[in-house]
Amino acid sequence: MRPILLQGHTRSLTQIKYNAEGDLLFSVSKDHVVNVWYSHNGERLGTYNGHVGAIWSVAVNSSSTLTLTGSADNAAKLWEVRTGKCLHTWEFKTAVKRVAFSEDDSMVLVVTEQRMGYPGSVVILSINQDINAIQSDEPITIIHPEGSKAMVADWGYLNNYIITGHENGTISQYDWKTGDLIKSIQPHTAELTDLQMSEDRTYFITSSKDKSAQIFESNTLSPLKKYVTDAPLNSAAITPVQEFVILGGGQDAMHVTTTGARQGKFECRFWHKILEEEVGRVKGHFGPINTISVHPSGESFSSGGEDGYVRVHHFDQDYFKFKYPDL
């Protein structure tokens, strides 16, 4: 797997995301810029400019007409994918840490930071899919998570609820219509850094600073699988073809200087989803891996690092023929 190296950011990557077809890859970074690339060859399609703070999150609707970003400038912006035009801006009191479209694209969730006396929140907004329509500033619901602040979130199965991941390792399930907490568990011992749904949203994977990733059933929050590593994890993704999950992270830069770069553990780690065994690693980044995204068809995956690079890996044919020896 010879990677395609995407050099379009001047600071560390925060999130990358394929669109539903997988032909486009969106990347956001602390450099205030949104880039969109052709995933098959790494050619940059365009840049969306307008944020004045680090961009923490990006989401794309299922028809690839709209993209949503959340930033440290206390704003979430809705963009037209084709032209890069900013269609609407929602202003908040604190930074926007996570954004996600609902399964039917009719709504988005926006996770805001708990800071400066303002409570953290998960804001549910309606989205008009018409490019020329006026978007509503009035939230459908505002949820103030109890206890530890929410770091990541996504929509559950058939938009029935939302799942939030928290700073103290808690995972919660909320009724987005009422804002009520349905259930909560604390499977991690440190901050949740990523939460990605399976293709049908019936289960999801989390990554944590406690050096583990776990898979849970969406409806019940029942733990299904656990992958324990030797480094803090920043991202975890599920592959749709082979029975693998991909984990990424590494020691923070401040700790690497005391232990040596070789100890940083900056690899994408492939684990067998069912057997909970590590099967391989992909190296390349010169700092912690902050975000991982898998092509919807499973033909490739991408990683974004603290080093400012996005690496796109297209799997060799041998990957699709691979059979685990114990199965």
C-alpha atoms as a PDB file:
ATOM      1  CA  MET A   1       0.000   0.000   0.000  1.00  0.00           C
ATOM      2  CA  ARG A   2       1.809   3.079  -1.221  1.00  0.00           C
ATOM      3  CA  PRO A   3       0.014   6.052   0.351  1.00  0.00           C
ATOM      4  CA  ILE A   4      -1.011   9.270  -1.335  1.00  0.00           C
ATOM      5  CA  LEU A   5       0.269  12.162   0.780  1.00  0.00           C
ATOM      6  CA  LEU A   6      -2.076  15.161   0.928  1.00  0.00           C
ATOM      7  CA  GLN A   7      -0.283  18.398   1.812  1.00  0.00           C
ATOM      8  CA  GLY A   8      -2.963  21.030   2.161  1.00  0.00           C
ATOM      9  CA  HIS A   9      -2.781  22.047   5.830  1.00  0.00           C
ATOM     10  CA  THR A  10      -0.199  23.986   7.809  1.00  0.00           C
ATOM     11  CA  ARG A  11      -1.261  22.718  11.239  1.00  0.00           C
ATOM     12  CA  SER A  12      -2.412  19.448  12.769  1.00  0.00           C
ATOM     13  CA  LEU A  13      -5.450  17.633  11.395  1.00  0.00           C
ATOM     14  CA  THR A  14      -8.537  17.391  13.600  1.00  0.00           C
ATOM     15  CA  GLN A  15     -10.981  15.338  11.494  1.00  0.00           C
ATOM     16  CA  ILE A  16     -11.265  13.767   8.035  1.00  0.00           C
ATOM     17  CA  LYS A  17     -14.442  12.383   6.507  1.00  0.00           C
ATOM     18  CA  TYR A  18     -15.399  10.595   3.270  1.00  0.00           C
ATOM     19  CA  ASN A  19     -18.695  11.470   1.616  1.00  0.00           C
ATOM     20  CA  ALA A  20     -21.333   8.737   1.130  1.00  0.00           C
ATOM     21  CA  GLU A  21     -20.036   7.756  -2.330  1.00  0.00           C
ATOM     22  CA  GLY A  22     -16.422   7.825  -1.184  1.00  0.00           C
ATOM     23  CA  ASP A  23     -15.168   9.890  -4.137  1.00  0.00           C
ATOM     24  CA  LEU A  24     -14.517  12.956  -1.951  1.00  0.00           C
ATOM     25  CA  LEU A  25     -12.490  13.331   1.231  1.00  0.00           C
ATOM     26  CA  PHE A  26     -13.003  16.339   3.509  1.00  0.00           C
ATOM     27  CA  SER A  27     -10.272  17.440   5.914  1.00  0.00           C
ATOM     28  CA  VAL A  28     -10.251  20.072   8.647  1.00  0.00           C
ATOM     29  CA  SER A  29      -7.401  21.340  10.746  1.00  0.00           C
ATOM     30  CA  LYS A  30      -6.292  23.858  13.344  1.00  0.00           C
ATOM     31  CA  ASP A  31      -5.259  26.170  10.459  1.00  0.00           C
ATOM     32  CA  HIS A  32      -8.872  27.452   9.958  1.00  0.00           C
ATOM     33  CA  VAL A  33      -9.160  25.775   6.528  1.00  0.00           C
ATOM     34  CA  VAL A  34     -11.519  23.135   5.113  1.00  0.00           C
ATOM     35  CA  ASN A  35     -10.082  21.152   2.197  1.00  0.00           C
ATOM     36  CA  VAL A  36     -11.919  18.744  -0.094  1.00  0.00           C
ATOM     37  CA  TRP A  37      -9.988  16.195  -2.172  1.00  0.00           C
ATOM     38  CA  TYR A  38     -10.647  13.556  -4.798  1.00  0.00           C
ATOM     39  CA  SER A  39     -10.024  10.401  -2.813  1.00  0.00           C
ATOM     40  CA  HIS A  40      -8.818   8.241  -5.714  1.00  0.00           C
ATOM     41  CA  ASN A  41      -5.821  10.398  -6.657  1.00  0.00           C
ATOM     42  CA  GLY A  42      -5.424  13.022  -3.906  1.00  0.00           C
ATOM     43  CA  GLU A  43      -6.125  16.004  -6.180  1.00  0.00           C
ATOM     44  CA  ARG A  44      -7.483  18.952  -4.243  1.00  0.00           C
ATOM     45  CA  LEU A  45     -10.935  19.959  -5.456  1.00  0.00           C
ATOM     46  CA  GLY A  46     -11.195  23.134  -3.404  1.00  0.00           C
ATOM     47  CA  THR A  47     -10.879  25.024  -0.137  1.00  0.00           C
ATOM     48  CA  TYR A  48     -13.615  26.542   2.020  1.00  0.00           C
ATOM     49  CA  ASN A  49     -12.521  29.722   3.787  1.00  0.00           C
ATOM     50  CA  GLY A  50     -14.475  31.596   6.438  1.00  0.00           C
ATOM     51  CA  HIS A  51     -13.643  30.292   9.893  1.00  0.00           C
ATOM     52  CA  VAL A  52     -11.275  32.327  12.063  1.00  0.00           C
ATOM     53  CA  GLY A  53     -10.402  29.604  14.560  1.00  0.00           C
ATOM     54  CA  ALA A  54      -9.265  26.011  14.598  1.00  0.00           C
ATOM     55  CA  ILE A  55     -11.842  23.765  12.919  1.00  0.00           C
ATOM     56  CA  TRP A  56     -12.623  20.754  15.092  1.00  0.00           C
ATOM     57  CA  SER A  57     -15.177  18.800  13.085  1.00  0.00           C
ATOM     58  CA  VAL A  58     -16.696  18.259   9.629  1.00  0.00           C
ATOM     59  CA  ALA A  59     -19.769  16.384   8.379  1.00  0.00           C
ATOM     60  CA  VAL A  60     -21.262  15.813   4.914  1.00  0.00           C
ATOM     61  CA  ASN A  61     -24.869  15.032   4.000  1.00  0.00           C
ATOM     62  CA  SER A  62     -25.708  11.826   2.134  1.00  0.00           C
ATOM     63  CA  SER A  63     -26.201  13.559  -1.252  1.00  0.00           C
ATOM     64  CA  SER A  64     -22.847  15.418  -0.968  1.00  0.00           C
ATOM     65  CA  THR A  65     -24.512  18.783  -1.533  1.00  0.00           C
ATOM     66  CA  LEU A  66     -23.961  20.239   1.947  1.00  0.00           C
ATOM     67  CA  THR A  67     -21.117  20.107   4.439  1.00  0.00           C
ATOM     68  CA  LEU A  68     -21.105  21.346   8.028  1.00  0.00           C
ATOM     69  CA  THR A  69     -18.109  22.458  10.075  1.00  0.00           C
ATOM     70  CA  GLY A  70     -17.604  23.319  13.735  1.00  0.00           C
ATOM     71  CA  SER A  71     -14.862  25.623  14.951  1.00  0.00           C
ATOM     72  CA  ALA A  72     -13.098  27.203  17.925  1.00  0.00           C
ATOM     73  CA  ASP A  73     -14.447  30.542  16.671  1.00  0.00           C
ATOM     74  CA  ASN A  74     -17.745  29.563  18.368  1.00  0.00           C
ATOM     75  CA  ALA A  75     -19.486  28.938  15.055  1.00  0.00           C
ATOM     76  CA  ALA A  76     -20.896  26.138  12.937  1.00  0.00           C
ATOM     77  CA  LYS A  77     -21.025  26.849   9.208  1.00  0.00           C
ATOM     78  CA  LEU A  78     -23.078  25.208   6.462  1.00  0.00           C
ATOM     79  CA  TRP A  79     -21.399  25.128   3.038  1.00  0.00           C
ATOM     80  CA  GLU A  80     -22.438  24.263  -0.477  1.00  0.00           C
ATOM     81  CA  VAL A  81     -20.063  21.469  -1.460  1.00  0.00           C
ATOM     82  CA  ARG A  82     -19.981  22.273  -5.182  1.00  0.00           C
ATOM     83  CA  THR A  83     -19.138  25.971  -4.947  1.00  0.00           C
ATOM     84  CA  GLY A  84     -17.630  26.363  -1.469  1.00  0.00           C
ATOM     85  CA  LYS A  85     -20.164  29.089  -0.676  1.00  0.00           C
ATOM     86  CA  CYS A  86     -21.033  29.559   3.006  1.00  0.00           C
ATOM     87  CA  LEU A  87     -24.827  29.228   3.185  1.00  0.00           C
ATOM     88  CA  HIS A  88     -25.388  29.860   6.893  1.00  0.00           C
ATOM     89  CA  THR A  89     -23.551  30.443  10.168  1.00  0.00           C
ATOM     90  CA  TRP A  90     -24.810  29.473  13.617  1.00  0.00           C
ATOM     91  CA  GLU A  91     -23.165  31.374  16.485  1.00  0.00           C
ATOM     92  CA  PHE A  92     -22.648  29.858  19.948  1.00  0.00           C
ATOM     93  CA  LYS A  93     -21.161  31.000  23.267  1.00  0.00           C
ATOM     94  CA  THR A  94     -18.247  28.554  23.148  1.00  0.00           C
ATOM     95  CA  ALA A  95     -16.272  26.421  20.674  1.00  0.00           C
ATOM     96  CA  VAL A  96     -18.014  23.797  18.537  1.00  0.00           C
ATOM     97  CA  LYS A  97     -16.249  20.459  19.069  1.00  0.00           C
ATOM     98  CA  ARG A  98     -18.358  18.051  16.981  1.00  0.00           C
ATOM     99  CA  VAL A  99     -20.976  18.155  14.219  1.00  0.00           C
ATOM    100  CA  ALA A 100     -22.981  15.362  12.569  1.00  0.00           C
ATOM    101  CA  PHE A 101     -25.865  15.007  10.114  1.00  0.00           C
ATOM    102  CA  SER A 102     -28.848  12.833  11.023  1.00  0.00           C
ATOM    103  CA  GLU A 103     -29.434   9.701   8.965  1.00  0.00           C
ATOM    104  CA  ASP A 104     -32.081  11.413   6.798  1.00  0.00           C
ATOM    105  CA  ASP A 105     -30.124  14.719   6.586  1.00  0.00           C
ATOM    106  CA  SER A 106     -33.054  16.663   8.033  1.00  0.00           C
ATOM    107  CA  MET A 107     -31.177  17.630  11.218  1.00  0.00           C
ATOM    108  CA  VAL A 108     -27.683  18.133  12.592  1.00  0.00           C
ATOM    109  CA  LEU A 109     -26.245  17.911  16.076  1.00  0.00           C
ATOM    110  CA  VAL A 110     -23.667  20.399  17.321  1.00  0.00           C
ATOM    111  CA  VAL A 111     -21.574  19.742  20.453  1.00  0.00           C
ATOM    112  CA  THR A 112     -20.401  22.919  22.182  1.00  0.00           C
ATOM    113  CA  GLU A 113     -17.592  23.238  24.707  1.00  0.00           C
ATOM    114  CA  GLN A 114     -18.112  23.715  28.430  1.00  0.00           C
ATOM    115  CA  ARG A 115     -16.055  26.816  29.189  1.00  0.00           C
ATOM    116  CA  MET A 116     -16.018  30.281  30.807  1.00  0.00           C
ATOM    117  CA  GLY A 117     -19.086  29.582  32.911  1.00  0.00           C
ATOM    118  CA  TYR A 118     -21.137  28.319  29.970  1.00  0.00           C
ATOM    119  CA  PRO A 119     -22.422  24.730  30.185  1.00  0.00           C
ATOM    120  CA  GLY A 120     -21.516  22.321  27.431  1.00  0.00           C
ATOM    121  CA  SER A 121     -24.433  21.410  25.197  1.00  0.00           C
ATOM    122  CA  VAL A 122     -25.637  19.257  22.342  1.00  0.00           C
ATOM    123  CA  VAL A 123     -27.771  21.443  20.072  1.00  0.00           C
ATOM    124  CA  ILE A 124     -30.192  19.878  17.577  1.00  0.00           C
ATOM    125  CA  LEU A 125     -30.879  22.039  14.496  1.00  0.00           C
ATOM    126  CA  SER A 126     -33.146  21.478  11.504  1.00  0.00           C
ATOM    127  CA  ILE A 127     -31.562  21.622   8.048  1.00  0.00           C
ATOM    128  CA  ASN A 128     -33.302  22.605   4.824  1.00  0.00           C
ATOM    129  CA  GLN A 129     -31.705  20.655   1.968  1.00  0.00           C
ATOM    130  CA  ASP A 130     -32.565  23.371  -0.555  1.00  0.00           C
ATOM    131  CA  ILE A 131     -29.363  25.291  -1.290  1.00  0.00           C
ATOM    132  CA  ASN A 132     -31.326  28.533  -1.720  1.00  0.00           C
ATOM    133  CA  ALA A 133     -33.462  28.158   1.402  1.00  0.00           C
ATOM    134  CA  ILE A 134     -33.075  30.218   4.564  1.00  0.00           C
ATOM    135  CA  GLN A 135     -31.883  28.056   7.464  1.00  0.00           C
ATOM    136  CA  SER A 136     -33.501  28.356  10.878  1.00  0.00           C
ATOM    137  CA  ASP A 137     -31.489  29.694  13.824  1.00  0.00           C
ATOM    138  CA  GLU A 138     -33.971  28.257  16.330  1.00  0.00           C
ATOM    139  CA  PRO A 139     -32.801  24.932  17.824  1.00  0.00           C
ATOM    140  CA  ILE A 140     -35.155  21.961  17.958  1.00  0.00           C
ATOM    141  CA  THR A 141     -33.651  20.879  21.275  1.00  0.00           C
ATOM    142  CA  ILE A 142     -30.745  21.875  23.494  1.00  0.00           C
ATOM    143  CA  ILE A 143     -29.361  19.103  25.691  1.00  0.00           C
ATOM    144  CA  HIS A 144     -27.092  19.914  28.640  1.00  0.00           C
ATOM    145  CA  PRO A 145     -25.331  16.627  29.444  1.00  0.00           C
ATOM    146  CA  GLU A 146     -25.196  15.803  33.134  1.00  0.00           C
ATOM    147  CA  GLY A 147     -21.836  15.556  34.871  1.00  0.00           C
ATOM    148  CA  SER A 148     -18.787  15.364  32.635  1.00  0.00           C
ATOM    149  CA  LYS A 149     -18.813  17.424  29.423  1.00  0.00           C
ATOM    150  CA  ALA A 150     -19.524  15.790  26.058  1.00  0.00           C
ATOM    151  CA  MET A 151     -16.550  15.498  23.711  1.00  0.00           C
ATOM    152  CA  VAL A 152     -18.018  13.532  20.765  1.00  0.00           C
ATOM    153  CA  ALA A 153     -21.505  12.547  19.606  1.00  0.00           C
ATOM    154  CA  ASP A 154     -23.417  10.984  16.734  1.00  0.00           C
ATOM    155  CA  TRP A 155     -26.922   9.969  15.703  1.00  0.00           C
ATOM    156  CA  GLY A 156     -28.089   6.489  16.621  1.00  0.00           C
ATOM    157  CA  TYR A 157     -30.097   3.910  14.756  1.00  0.00           C
ATOM    158  CA  LEU A 158     -32.901   5.469  12.608  1.00  0.00           C
ATOM    159  CA  ASN A 159     -32.474   8.823  14.390  1.00  0.00           C
ATOM    160  CA  ASN A 160     -34.150   7.316  17.470  1.00  0.00           C
ATOM    161  CA  TYR A 161     -31.627   8.891  19.823  1.00  0.00           C
ATOM    162  CA  ILE A 162     -28.157  10.393  19.980  1.00  0.00           C
ATOM    163  CA  ILE A 163     -25.045   8.875  21.561  1.00  0.00           C
ATOM    164  CA  THR A 164     -22.563  11.111  23.402  1.00  0.00           C
ATOM    165  CA  GLY A 165     -19.030  10.375  24.632  1.00  0.00           C
ATOM    166  CA  HIS A 166     -17.679  12.298  27.604  1.00  0.00           C
ATOM    167  CA  GLU A 167     -14.462  13.570  29.165  1.00  0.00           C
ATOM    168  CA  ASN A 168     -14.630  11.119  32.078  1.00  0.00           C
ATOM    169  CA  GLY A 169     -15.105   8.041  29.872  1.00  0.00           C
ATOM    170  CA  THR A 170     -18.898   7.949  30.075  1.00  0.00           C
ATOM    171  CA  ILE A 171     -21.127   7.056  27.106  1.00  0.00           C
ATOM    172  CA  SER A 172     -24.719   8.318  27.222  1.00  0.00           C
ATOM    173  CA  GLN A 173     -27.845   7.861  25.155  1.00  0.00           C
ATOM    174  CA  TYR A 174     -30.278  10.795  24.888  1.00  0.00           C
ATOM    175  CA  ASP A 175     -33.765  11.283  23.524  1.00  0.00           C
ATOM    176  CA  TRP A 176     -33.111  14.199  21.152  1.00  0.00           C
ATOM    177  CA  LYS A 177     -36.798  15.181  21.058  1.00  0.00           C
ATOM    178  CA  THR A 178     -37.049  15.826  24.810  1.00  0.00           C
ATOM    179  CA  GLY A 179     -33.420  16.108  25.852  1.00  0.00           C
ATOM    180  CA  ASP A 180     -33.922  13.356  28.440  1.00  0.00           C
ATOM    181  CA  LEU A 181     -31.121  10.959  29.370  1.00  0.00           C
ATOM    182  CA  ILE A 182     -32.135   7.394  28.454  1.00  0.00           C
ATOM    183  CA  LYS A 183     -29.135   5.491  29.807  1.00  0.00           C
ATOM    184  CA  SER A 184     -25.483   5.977  30.654  1.00  0.00           C
ATOM    185  CA  ILE A 185     -22.451   3.730  31.169  1.00  0.00           C
ATOM    186  CA  GLN A 186     -18.795   4.393  32.016  1.00  0.00           C
ATOM    187  CA  PRO A 187     -16.720   1.808  30.132  1.00  0.00           C
ATOM    188  CA  HIS A 188     -13.626   3.999  29.709  1.00  0.00           C
ATOM    189  CA  THR A 189     -11.419   5.469  32.428  1.00  0.00           C
ATOM    190  CA  ALA A 190     -10.301   8.538  30.475  1.00  0.00           C
ATOM    191  CA  GLU A 191     -11.521  11.019  27.856  1.00  0.00           C
ATOM    192  CA  LEU A 192     -13.371   9.707  24.802  1.00  0.00           C
ATOM    193  CA  THR A 193     -11.651  10.972  21.675  1.00  0.00           C
ATOM    194  CA  ASP A 194     -13.759   9.492  18.870  1.00  0.00           C
ATOM    195  CA  LEU A 195     -17.096   7.803  18.224  1.00  0.00           C
ATOM    196  CA  GLN A 196     -17.910   6.311  14.809  1.00  0.00           C
ATOM    197  CA  MET A 197     -21.054   4.440  13.812  1.00  0.00           C
ATOM    198  CA  SER A 198     -21.236   1.259  11.763  1.00  0.00           C
ATOM    199  CA  GLU A 199     -22.798   1.560   8.319  1.00  0.00           C
ATOM    200  CA  ASP A 200     -26.303   0.702   9.594  1.00  0.00           C
ATOM    201  CA  ARG A 201     -25.780   2.506  12.934  1.00  0.00           C
ATOM    202  CA  THR A 202     -26.691  -0.614  14.944  1.00  0.00           C
ATOM    203  CA  TYR A 203     -23.302  -0.549  16.686  1.00  0.00           C
ATOM    204  CA  PHE A 204     -20.458   1.918  17.142  1.00  0.00           C
ATOM    205  CA  ILE A 205     -16.796   2.086  18.119  1.00  0.00           C
ATOM    206  CA  THR A 206     -15.159   4.460  20.595  1.00  0.00           C
ATOM    207  CA  SER A 207     -11.534   5.405  21.236  1.00  0.00           C
ATOM    208  CA  SER A 208     -10.128   6.812  24.445  1.00  0.00           C
ATOM    209  CA  LYS A 209      -7.057   8.284  26.097  1.00  0.00           C
ATOM    210  CA  ASP A 210      -7.157   5.185  28.352  1.00  0.00           C
ATOM    211  CA  LYS A 211      -5.396   3.301  25.489  1.00  0.00           C
ATOM    212  CA  SER A 212      -8.422   1.247  24.529  1.00  0.00           C
ATOM    213  CA  ALA A 213     -11.152   1.157  21.884  1.00  0.00           C
ATOM    214  CA  GLN A 214     -14.496  -0.570  22.376  1.00  0.00           C
ATOM    215  CA  ILE A 215     -17.533  -1.583  20.315  1.00  0.00           C
ATOM    216  CA  PHE A 216     -21.057  -1.169  21.713  1.00  0.00           C
ATOM    217  CA  GLU A 217     -24.559  -2.080  20.574  1.00  0.00           C
ATOM    218  CA  SER A 218     -26.394   1.163  19.806  1.00  0.00           C
ATOM    219  CA  ASN A 219     -29.820   0.426  21.262  1.00  0.00           C
ATOM    220  CA  THR A 220     -28.705  -1.077  24.573  1.00  0.00           C
ATOM    221  CA  LEU A 221     -25.139   0.300  24.947  1.00  0.00           C
ATOM    222  CA  SER A 222     -24.092  -3.292  25.640  1.00  0.00           C
ATOM    223  CA  PRO A 223     -20.294  -3.714  25.286  1.00  0.00           C
ATOM    224  CA  LEU A 224     -19.430  -6.149  22.495  1.00  0.00           C
ATOM    225  CA  LYS A 225     -15.667  -5.991  21.896  1.00  0.00           C
ATOM    226  CA  LYS A 226     -12.585  -4.334  23.434  1.00  0.00           C
ATOM    227  CA  TYR A 227      -9.143  -3.605  21.954  1.00  0.00           C
ATOM    228  CA  VAL A 228      -6.409  -2.712  24.463  1.00  0.00           C
ATOM    229  CA  THR A 229      -3.256  -1.019  23.126  1.00  0.00           C
ATOM    230  CA  ASP A 230      -0.079   0.495  24.601  1.00  0.00           C
ATOM    231  CA  ALA A 231      -0.690   4.112  23.572  1.00  0.00           C
ATOM    232  CA  PRO A 232      -3.449   6.742  23.991  1.00  0.00           C
ATOM    233  CA  LEU A 233      -5.954   6.523  21.126  1.00  0.00           C
ATOM    234  CA  ASN A 234      -7.396   9.504  19.244  1.00  0.00           C
ATOM    235  CA  SER A 235      -9.523   7.748  16.624  1.00  0.00           C
ATOM    236  CA  ALA A 236     -11.126   4.408  15.747  1.00  0.00           C
ATOM    237  CA  ALA A 237     -12.957   3.305  12.601  1.00  0.00           C
ATOM    238  CA  ILE A 238     -14.790   0.203  11.376  1.00  0.00           C
ATOM    239  CA  THR A 239     -13.967  -1.350   7.979  1.00  0.00           C
ATOM    240  CA  PRO A 240     -17.042  -2.429   5.943  1.00  0.00           C
ATOM    241  CA  VAL A 241     -15.476  -5.265   3.923  1.00  0.00           C
ATOM    242  CA  GLN A 242     -13.052  -7.217   6.100  1.00  0.00           C
ATOM    243  CA  GLU A 243     -13.709  -7.854   9.795  1.00  0.00           C
ATOM    244  CA  PHE A 244     -11.227  -5.226  10.972  1.00  0.00           C
ATOM    245  CA  VAL A 245     -11.169  -2.060  13.010  1.00  0.00           C
ATOM    246  CA  ILE A 246      -8.458   0.580  12.583  1.00  0.00           C
ATOM    247  CA  LEU A 247      -7.104   2.422  15.634  1.00  0.00           C
ATOM    248  CA  GLY A 248      -4.815   5.453  15.707  1.00  0.00           C
ATOM    249  CA  GLY A 249      -3.201   7.703  18.264  1.00  0.00           C
ATOM    250  CA  GLY A 250       0.181   7.946  19.944  1.00  0.00           C
ATOM    251  CA  GLN A 251       1.821   9.813  22.750  1.00  0.00           C
ATOM    252  CA  ASP A 252       1.402  13.585  22.822  1.00  0.00           C
ATOM    253  CA  ALA A 253       4.342  15.569  21.473  1.00  0.00           C
ATOM    254  CA  MET A 254       5.255  16.852  24.938  1.00  0.00           C
ATOM    255  CA  HIS A 255       5.760  13.269  26.128  1.00  0.00           C
ATOM    256  CA  VAL A 256       7.588  12.082  23.016  1.00  0.00           C
ATOM    257  CA  THR A 257      10.419  14.544  23.662  1.00  0.00           C
ATOM    258  CA  THR A 258      11.183  12.778  26.919  1.00  0.00           C
ATOM    259  CA  THR A 259      10.826   9.200  25.657  1.00  0.00           C
ATOM    260  CA  GLY A 260      12.241   9.531  22.147  1.00  0.00           C
ATOM    261  CA  ALA A 261      10.405   9.628  18.815  1.00  0.00           C
ATOM    262  CA  ARG A 262      10.608   5.879  18.352  1.00  0.00           C
ATOM    263  CA  GLN A 263       8.406   5.432  21.380  1.00  0.00           C
ATOM    264  CA  GLY A 264       5.662   7.647  19.988  1.00  0.00           C
ATOM    265  CA  LYS A 265       3.724   4.710  18.469  1.00  0.00           C
ATOM    266  CA  PHE A 266       2.397   6.711  15.531  1.00  0.00           C
ATOM    267  CA  GLU A 267       0.895   3.819  13.547  1.00  0.00           C
ATOM    268  CA  CYS A 268      -2.545   2.892  12.306  1.00  0.00           C
ATOM    269  CA  ARG A 269      -3.264  -0.403  14.020  1.00  0.00           C
ATOM    270  CA  PHE A 270      -5.457  -3.055  12.422  1.00  0.00           C
ATOM    271  CA  TRP A 271      -7.315  -5.316  14.845  1.00  0.00           C
ATOM    272  CA  HIS A 272      -9.579  -8.248  14.034  1.00  0.00           C
ATOM    273  CA  LYS A 273     -13.025  -6.985  14.974  1.00  0.00           C
ATOM    274  CA  ILE A 274     -14.349 -10.329  16.246  1.00  0.00           C
ATOM    275  CA  LEU A 275     -11.256 -12.039  17.670  1.00  0.00           C
ATOM    276  CA  GLU A 276      -9.865  -8.866  19.336  1.00  0.00           C
ATOM    277  CA  GLU A 277      -6.344  -9.584  18.039  1.00  0.00           C
ATOM    278  CA  GLU A 278      -3.962  -7.100  16.435  1.00  0.00           C
ATOM    279  CA  VAL A 279      -3.118  -8.176  12.873  1.00  0.00           C
ATOM    280  CA  GLY A 280      -0.916  -5.382  11.509  1.00  0.00           C
ATOM    281  CA  ARG A 281       0.258  -1.766  11.574  1.00  0.00           C
ATOM    282  CA  VAL A 282       0.718   0.953   8.968  1.00  0.00           C
ATOM    283  CA  LYS A 283       3.431   3.530   9.680  1.00  0.00           C
ATOM    284  CA  GLY A 284       4.136   6.899   8.129  1.00  0.00           C
ATOM    285  CA  HIS A 285       3.074   9.804  10.336  1.00  0.00           C
ATOM    286  CA  PHE A 286       5.641  11.864  12.238  1.00  0.00           C
ATOM    287  CA  GLY A 287       3.329  12.584  15.169  1.00  0.00           C
ATOM    288  CA  PRO A 288       0.158  11.321  16.804  1.00  0.00           C
ATOM    289  CA  ILE A 289      -2.647  10.194  14.495  1.00  0.00           C
ATOM    290  CA  ASN A 290      -5.643  12.385  15.289  1.00  0.00           C
ATOM    291  CA  THR A 291      -8.313  11.068  12.928  1.00  0.00           C
ATOM    292  CA  ILE A 292      -9.084   7.996  10.801  1.00  0.00           C
ATOM    293  CA  SER A 293     -11.793   7.537   8.177  1.00  0.00           C
ATOM    294  CA  VAL A 294     -12.608   4.489   6.034  1.00  0.00           C
ATOM    295  CA  HIS A 295     -13.957   4.621   2.466  1.00  0.00           C
ATOM    296  CA  PRO A 296     -17.651   3.539   2.465  1.00  0.00           C
ATOM    297  CA  SER A 297     -16.878   0.666   0.076  1.00  0.00           C
ATOM    298  CA  GLY A 298     -13.877  -0.419   2.136  1.00  0.00           C
ATOM    299  CA  GLU A 299     -11.429   0.071  -0.741  1.00  0.00           C
ATOM    300  CA  SER A 300      -9.244   2.566   1.126  1.00  0.00           C
ATOM    301  CA  PHE A 301      -8.721   4.379   4.390  1.00  0.00           C
ATOM    302  CA  SER A 302      -7.197   7.716   5.341  1.00  0.00           C
ATOM    303  CA  SER A 303      -5.452   9.071   8.411  1.00  0.00           C
ATOM    304  CA  GLY A 304      -4.783  12.642   9.516  1.00  0.00           C
ATOM    305  CA  GLY A 305      -1.973  13.482  11.896  1.00  0.00           C
ATOM    306  CA  GLU A 306      -0.491  16.054  14.217  1.00  0.00           C
ATOM    307  CA  ASP A 307       2.180  16.461  11.501  1.00  0.00           C
ATOM    308  CA  GLY A 308      -0.342  18.254   9.232  1.00  0.00           C
ATOM    309  CA  TYR A 309      -0.537  15.502   6.607  1.00  0.00           C
ATOM    310  CA  VAL A 310      -3.379  13.324   5.370  1.00  0.00           C
ATOM    311  CA  ARG A 311      -2.297   9.882   4.162  1.00  0.00           C
ATOM    312  CA  VAL A 312      -4.659   8.020   1.812  1.00  0.00           C
ATOM    313  CA  HIS A 313      -4.085   4.264   1.612  1.00  0.00           C
ATOM    314  CA  HIS A 314      -5.708   2.194  -1.149  1.00  0.00           C
ATOM    315  CA  PHE A 315      -5.752  -1.474  -0.217  1.00  0.00           C
ATOM    316  CA  ASP A 316      -3.949  -4.016  -2.401  1.00  0.00           C
ATOM    317  CA  GLN A 317      -5.998  -6.870  -3.882  1.00  0.00           C
ATOM    318  CA  ASP A 318      -4.438  -9.271  -1.379  1.00  0.00           C
ATOM    319  CA  TYR A 319      -6.254  -7.407   1.378  1.00  0.00           C
ATOM    320  CA  PHE A 320      -9.666  -8.406   0.002  1.00  0.00           C
ATOM    321  CA  LYS A 321      -8.618 -12.057  -0.310  1.00  0.00           C
ATOM    322  CA  PHE A 322      -7.209 -12.212   3.200  1.00  0.00           C
ATOM    323  CA  LYS A 323      -8.613 -14.984   5.404  1.00  0.00           C
ATOM    324  CA  TYR A 324      -7.819 -15.052   9.087  1.00  0.00           C
ATOM    325  CA  PRO A 325      -6.186 -18.428   9.870  1.00  0.00           C
ATOM    326  CA  ASP A 326      -8.300 -19.158  12.954  1.00  0.00           C
ATOM    327  CA  LEU A 327     -11.630 -18.753  11.173  1.00  0.00           C
END
